[in-house]
Amino acid sequence: MDPKSTYWLEIKLLGNTKKVRKDVHCFCFDKVVDSDTTTLKDLVDEITNQYPPGYLEIANVQYYDADFKTVLVQV
């Protein structure tokens, strides 16, 4: 992995707000991603294989930029 193209991502998985426990808002984990070899679809597929969505749930991805405080990509 090239250090110039490697990123440390903080990923938060949110569940259905009607079914989620009240004391847990989201599930967080960190992941190292190489932008030269990973596409967004590969990243989403890898996460959904590791943490599969429940029955009738669809995985949505949003990229939040903390500097600009905006959601830049929504898949």
Protein backbone atom coordinates (compact mmCIF):
# COMPACT_ATOMS: atom_id res chain seq x y z
CA MET A 1 0.00 0.00 0.00
CA ASP A 2 1.20 3.44 -0.91
CA PRO A 3 1.05 5.74 2.16
CA LYS A 4 0.04 8.69 -0.05
CA SER A 5 -3.07 6.91 -1.29
CA THR A 6 -4.06 5.15 1.96
CA TYR A 7 -6.84 6.54 4.14
CA TRP A 8 -8.10 5.70 7.62
CA LEU A 9 -11.91 5.72 7.55
CA GLU A 10 -14.19 5.93 10.56
CA ILE A 11 -17.31 4.01 9.57
CA LYS A 12 -20.62 4.28 11.43
CA LEU A 13 -23.37 1.78 10.73
CA LEU A 14 -26.86 2.99 11.55
CA GLY A 15 -29.86 0.72 11.85
CA ASN A 16 -33.58 1.18 11.54
CA THR A 17 -34.54 3.95 13.99
CA LYS A 18 -37.75 2.13 14.93
CA LYS A 19 -35.98 -1.13 15.77
CA VAL A 20 -32.68 0.10 17.19
CA ARG A 21 -31.95 -0.04 20.90
CA LYS A 22 -32.40 3.32 22.59
CA ASP A 23 -28.97 3.24 24.30
CA VAL A 24 -27.04 2.47 21.06
CA HIS A 25 -27.16 5.06 18.28
CA CYS A 26 -24.71 3.45 15.86
CA PHE A 27 -22.02 0.80 15.46
CA CYS A 28 -18.57 2.27 14.73
CA PHE A 29 -15.40 0.71 13.38
CA ASP A 30 -12.25 1.88 11.57
CA LYS A 31 -10.93 0.64 8.25
CA VAL A 32 -7.79 1.33 6.22
CA VAL A 33 -8.55 1.82 2.52
CA ASP A 34 -6.14 2.17 -0.40
CA SER A 35 -7.71 4.53 -2.93
CA ASP A 36 -5.58 3.15 -5.80
CA THR A 37 -7.03 -0.36 -5.56
CA THR A 38 -10.47 0.12 -3.95
CA THR A 39 -13.58 1.44 -5.65
CA LEU A 40 -16.66 2.66 -3.78
CA LYS A 41 -18.65 -0.39 -4.90
CA ASP A 42 -15.91 -2.74 -3.66
CA LEU A 43 -15.85 -0.92 -0.31
CA VAL A 44 -19.64 -1.16 0.10
CA ASP A 45 -19.62 -4.83 -0.92
CA GLU A 46 -16.85 -5.62 1.57
CA ILE A 47 -18.68 -3.87 4.43
CA THR A 48 -22.05 -5.47 3.63
CA ASN A 49 -20.42 -8.91 3.41
CA GLN A 50 -18.79 -8.38 6.80
CA TYR A 51 -21.90 -6.81 8.39
CA PRO A 52 -24.91 -7.99 6.34
CA PRO A 53 -28.10 -5.90 6.42
CA GLY A 54 -31.20 -7.41 7.99
CA TYR A 55 -34.39 -8.53 6.31
CA LEU A 56 -35.82 -5.82 3.98
CA GLU A 57 -32.93 -3.45 4.79
CA ILE A 58 -30.88 -1.69 2.11
CA ALA A 59 -27.32 -0.46 2.61
CA ASN A 60 -26.90 3.27 1.91
CA VAL A 61 -23.54 5.04 1.92
CA GLN A 62 -22.97 8.70 2.74
CA TYR A 63 -19.62 10.45 2.83
CA TYR A 64 -19.46 13.24 5.40
CA ASP A 65 -16.65 15.79 5.12
CA ALA A 66 -15.94 17.15 8.61
CA ASP A 67 -14.06 20.18 7.25
CA PHE A 68 -16.94 21.37 5.07
CA LYS A 69 -19.64 19.85 7.32
CA THR A 70 -21.53 18.51 4.30
CA VAL A 71 -22.53 15.16 2.83
CA LEU A 72 -20.62 14.89 -0.44
CA VAL A 73 -21.57 11.46 -1.83
CA GLN A 74 -24.74 9.52 -1.29
CA VAL A 75 -25.01 6.05 -2.82
